[in-house]
Amino acid sequence: MTRTRTRTRNTTRPPGRRDRRRPRGPHDWFAERLLAVVSGQRPVHSLLGLTVGPAYEQLVTLAPTGPPRDRLRPVLRHCGRFHPGPGVIEAFARIATGERVSAMAFRLEQGPDLRWRCAAVEIQGPRP
């Protein structure tokens, strides 16, 4: 009698994928877009249809007002999330610009069309 031993793994990878990448969530996508806007790499209106409530006005005040200057490009170091309820993500991101580190917090809400939209955004520390 031969015993077959099966191993079960606790993984989120699709079958057949061997690398350790995790699927990206909407908080990762929004963190990159928000960072591009507040650092002046993208215009604020690029997120016009992806914001609700006061988020667009908050982005207008956070975005630089002049042409892009010659400066260090900010890098998204870490992005995390918390689900306080269904259809809501409260996310945070750590941003590094050279030796400086800033924190960005934002809230995503899922609309009736199941699309995620940014409802609020804040930055602490030096602006990227």
C-alpha atoms as a PDB file:
ATOM      1  CA  MET A   1       0.000   0.000   0.000  1.00  0.00           C
ATOM      2  CA  THR A   2       1.414   3.326  -1.083  1.00  0.00           C
ATOM      3  CA  ARG A   3       0.473   6.468   0.755  1.00  0.00           C
ATOM      4  CA  THR A   4       0.274   9.632  -1.229  1.00  0.00           C
ATOM      5  CA  ARG A   5       1.081  12.729   0.658  1.00  0.00           C
ATOM      6  CA  THR A   6      -0.540  15.926  -0.500  1.00  0.00           C
ATOM      7  CA  ARG A   7       0.523  19.340   0.634  1.00  0.00           C
ATOM      8  CA  THR A   8      -1.930  22.133   0.872  1.00  0.00           C
ATOM      9  CA  ARG A   9      -0.596  25.622   0.691  1.00  0.00           C
ATOM     10  CA  ASN A  10      -2.143  28.768   1.963  1.00  0.00           C
ATOM     11  CA  THR A  11      -1.487  31.073  -0.987  1.00  0.00           C
ATOM     12  CA  THR A  12      -3.230  33.711  -3.016  1.00  0.00           C
ATOM     13  CA  ARG A  13      -1.309  32.923  -6.203  1.00  0.00           C
ATOM     14  CA  PRO A  14      -3.226  31.575  -9.167  1.00  0.00           C
ATOM     15  CA  PRO A  15      -2.470  27.939 -10.024  1.00  0.00           C
ATOM     16  CA  GLY A  16       0.672  27.651 -12.102  1.00  0.00           C
ATOM     17  CA  ARG A  17       2.203  30.963 -11.066  1.00  0.00           C
ATOM     18  CA  ARG A  18       5.461  30.395  -9.266  1.00  0.00           C
ATOM     19  CA  ASP A  19       6.547  33.892  -8.310  1.00  0.00           C
ATOM     20  CA  ARG A  20       5.588  35.477  -5.016  1.00  0.00           C
ATOM     21  CA  ARG A  21       3.884  38.607  -6.364  1.00  0.00           C
ATOM     22  CA  ARG A  22       0.561  39.437  -4.797  1.00  0.00           C
ATOM     23  CA  PRO A  23      -2.371  40.722  -6.779  1.00  0.00           C
ATOM     24  CA  ARG A  24      -2.551  44.498  -6.675  1.00  0.00           C
ATOM     25  CA  GLY A  25      -5.595  46.100  -5.147  1.00  0.00           C
ATOM     26  CA  PRO A  26      -7.309  49.384  -5.910  1.00  0.00           C
ATOM     27  CA  HIS A  27      -5.410  51.051  -3.064  1.00  0.00           C
ATOM     28  CA  ASP A  28      -2.093  50.378  -4.848  1.00  0.00           C
ATOM     29  CA  TRP A  29      -3.407  51.775  -8.125  1.00  0.00           C
ATOM     30  CA  PHE A  30      -4.801  54.904  -6.466  1.00  0.00           C
ATOM     31  CA  ALA A  31      -1.640  55.453  -4.388  1.00  0.00           C
ATOM     32  CA  GLU A  32       0.444  55.633  -7.567  1.00  0.00           C
ATOM     33  CA  ARG A  33      -2.001  57.995  -9.289  1.00  0.00           C
ATOM     34  CA  LEU A  34      -2.376  60.254  -6.254  1.00  0.00           C
ATOM     35  CA  LEU A  35       1.399  60.435  -5.836  1.00  0.00           C
ATOM     36  CA  ALA A  36       1.797  61.398  -9.503  1.00  0.00           C
ATOM     37  CA  VAL A  37      -0.702  64.242  -9.041  1.00  0.00           C
ATOM     38  CA  VAL A  38       0.647  65.649  -5.760  1.00  0.00           C
ATOM     39  CA  SER A  39       4.221  65.518  -7.102  1.00  0.00           C
ATOM     40  CA  GLY A  40       3.301  67.361 -10.295  1.00  0.00           C
ATOM     41  CA  GLN A  41       3.943  64.469 -12.680  1.00  0.00           C
ATOM     42  CA  ARG A  42       0.278  64.316 -13.737  1.00  0.00           C
ATOM     43  CA  PRO A  43      -2.380  67.033 -13.859  1.00  0.00           C
ATOM     44  CA  VAL A  44      -5.072  67.125 -11.188  1.00  0.00           C
ATOM     45  CA  HIS A  45      -7.837  66.750 -13.763  1.00  0.00           C
ATOM     46  CA  SER A  46      -6.516  63.264 -14.617  1.00  0.00           C
ATOM     47  CA  LEU A  47      -8.378  62.085 -11.487  1.00  0.00           C
ATOM     48  CA  LEU A  48     -11.522  64.131 -12.056  1.00  0.00           C
ATOM     49  CA  GLY A  49     -13.858  61.167 -12.656  1.00  0.00           C
ATOM     50  CA  LEU A  50     -12.132  59.074  -9.993  1.00  0.00           C
ATOM     51  CA  THR A  51     -12.866  61.330  -7.017  1.00  0.00           C
ATOM     52  CA  VAL A  52     -16.003  62.067  -5.012  1.00  0.00           C
ATOM     53  CA  GLY A  53     -16.830  64.577  -2.316  1.00  0.00           C
ATOM     54  CA  PRO A  54     -14.005  66.842  -1.134  1.00  0.00           C
ATOM     55  CA  ALA A  55     -11.178  64.708  -2.583  1.00  0.00           C
ATOM     56  CA  TYR A  56     -10.803  66.677  -5.818  1.00  0.00           C
ATOM     57  CA  GLU A  57     -10.539  70.001  -3.976  1.00  0.00           C
ATOM     58  CA  GLN A  58      -8.026  68.446  -1.583  1.00  0.00           C
ATOM     59  CA  LEU A  59      -5.926  67.363  -4.557  1.00  0.00           C
ATOM     60  CA  VAL A  60      -6.088  70.856  -6.044  1.00  0.00           C
ATOM     61  CA  THR A  61      -4.612  72.300  -2.836  1.00  0.00           C
ATOM     62  CA  LEU A  62      -1.955  69.552  -2.552  1.00  0.00           C
ATOM     63  CA  ALA A  63      -0.742  69.660  -6.170  1.00  0.00           C
ATOM     64  CA  PRO A  64       2.075  72.016  -7.131  1.00  0.00           C
ATOM     65  CA  THR A  65       0.958  75.112  -9.017  1.00  0.00           C
ATOM     66  CA  GLY A  66       3.897  75.741 -11.340  1.00  0.00           C
ATOM     67  CA  PRO A  67       5.654  73.823 -14.066  1.00  0.00           C
ATOM     68  CA  PRO A  68       7.568  70.733 -12.932  1.00  0.00           C
ATOM     69  CA  ARG A  69      10.915  71.685 -11.450  1.00  0.00           C
ATOM     70  CA  ASP A  70      14.137  69.774 -11.643  1.00  0.00           C
ATOM     71  CA  ARG A  71      13.920  67.787  -8.422  1.00  0.00           C
ATOM     72  CA  LEU A  72      14.062  64.281  -7.038  1.00  0.00           C
ATOM     73  CA  ARG A  73      11.236  62.024  -8.063  1.00  0.00           C
ATOM     74  CA  PRO A  74       9.189  60.636  -5.145  1.00  0.00           C
ATOM     75  CA  VAL A  75       8.932  56.875  -4.770  1.00  0.00           C
ATOM     76  CA  LEU A  76       6.087  54.889  -3.238  1.00  0.00           C
ATOM     77  CA  ARG A  77       7.778  52.750  -0.566  1.00  0.00           C
ATOM     78  CA  HIS A  78       4.822  50.969   1.015  1.00  0.00           C
ATOM     79  CA  CYS A  79       1.064  50.960   0.681  1.00  0.00           C
ATOM     80  CA  GLY A  80      -1.345  49.314   3.096  1.00  0.00           C
ATOM     81  CA  ARG A  81      -5.080  49.210   3.641  1.00  0.00           C
ATOM     82  CA  PHE A  82      -7.841  48.679   6.156  1.00  0.00           C
ATOM     83  CA  HIS A  83     -11.439  47.700   5.373  1.00  0.00           C
ATOM     84  CA  PRO A  84     -13.684  49.430   7.943  1.00  0.00           C
ATOM     85  CA  GLY A  85     -16.793  48.148   6.162  1.00  0.00           C
ATOM     86  CA  PRO A  86     -18.078  46.819   2.865  1.00  0.00           C
ATOM     87  CA  GLY A  87     -17.240  49.030  -0.094  1.00  0.00           C
ATOM     88  CA  VAL A  88     -14.723  51.170   1.833  1.00  0.00           C
ATOM     89  CA  ILE A  89     -10.929  51.082   1.937  1.00  0.00           C
ATOM     90  CA  GLU A  90      -8.871  53.355   4.154  1.00  0.00           C
ATOM     91  CA  ALA A  91      -5.338  53.249   2.816  1.00  0.00           C
ATOM     92  CA  PHE A  92      -1.956  54.669   3.728  1.00  0.00           C
ATOM     93  CA  ALA A  93       1.277  55.057   1.828  1.00  0.00           C
ATOM     94  CA  ARG A  94       4.857  55.846   2.735  1.00  0.00           C
ATOM     95  CA  ILE A  95       6.578  58.095   0.204  1.00  0.00           C
ATOM     96  CA  ALA A  96      10.325  58.687  -0.026  1.00  0.00           C
ATOM     97  CA  THR A  97      11.861  61.649  -1.818  1.00  0.00           C
ATOM     98  CA  GLY A  98      15.586  61.280  -1.413  1.00  0.00           C
ATOM     99  CA  GLU A  99      16.141  61.205   2.348  1.00  0.00           C
ATOM    100  CA  ARG A 100      12.748  62.748   3.159  1.00  0.00           C
ATOM    101  CA  VAL A 101       9.770  60.576   4.068  1.00  0.00           C
ATOM    102  CA  SER A 102       6.115  61.607   3.873  1.00  0.00           C
ATOM    103  CA  ALA A 103       2.885  59.824   4.699  1.00  0.00           C
ATOM    104  CA  MET A 104      -0.253  59.864   2.582  1.00  0.00           C
ATOM    105  CA  ALA A 105      -3.643  58.660   3.763  1.00  0.00           C
ATOM    106  CA  PHE A 106      -6.672  58.296   1.528  1.00  0.00           C
ATOM    107  CA  ARG A 107     -10.150  56.813   1.543  1.00  0.00           C
ATOM    108  CA  LEU A 108     -11.675  54.837  -1.312  1.00  0.00           C
ATOM    109  CA  GLU A 109     -15.382  54.198  -1.679  1.00  0.00           C
ATOM    110  CA  GLN A 110     -17.007  51.751  -4.049  1.00  0.00           C
ATOM    111  CA  GLY A 111     -19.932  53.203  -5.971  1.00  0.00           C
ATOM    112  CA  PRO A 112     -23.117  51.459  -7.118  1.00  0.00           C
ATOM    113  CA  ASP A 113     -21.339  50.758 -10.427  1.00  0.00           C
ATOM    114  CA  LEU A 114     -18.678  48.834  -8.381  1.00  0.00           C
ATOM    115  CA  ARG A 115     -15.938  51.309  -9.389  1.00  0.00           C
ATOM    116  CA  TRP A 116     -13.612  52.652  -6.714  1.00  0.00           C
ATOM    117  CA  ARG A 117     -13.313  56.407  -6.225  1.00  0.00           C
ATOM    118  CA  CYS A 118     -11.157  58.466  -3.902  1.00  0.00           C
ATOM    119  CA  ALA A 119     -13.212  60.295  -1.273  1.00  0.00           C
ATOM    120  CA  ALA A 120     -10.443  61.960   0.774  1.00  0.00           C
ATOM    121  CA  VAL A 121      -6.685  62.426   0.714  1.00  0.00           C
ATOM    122  CA  GLU A 122      -4.184  63.890   3.209  1.00  0.00           C
ATOM    123  CA  ILE A 123      -0.403  64.207   3.320  1.00  0.00           C
ATOM    124  CA  GLN A 124       1.767  64.548   6.430  1.00  0.00           C
ATOM    125  CA  GLY A 125       5.391  65.617   6.333  1.00  0.00           C
ATOM    126  CA  PRO A 126       7.198  67.353   3.492  1.00  0.00           C
ATOM    127  CA  ARG A 127       5.279  67.362   0.238  1.00  0.00           C
ATOM    128  CA  PRO A 128       6.669  64.934  -2.321  1.00  0.00           C
END
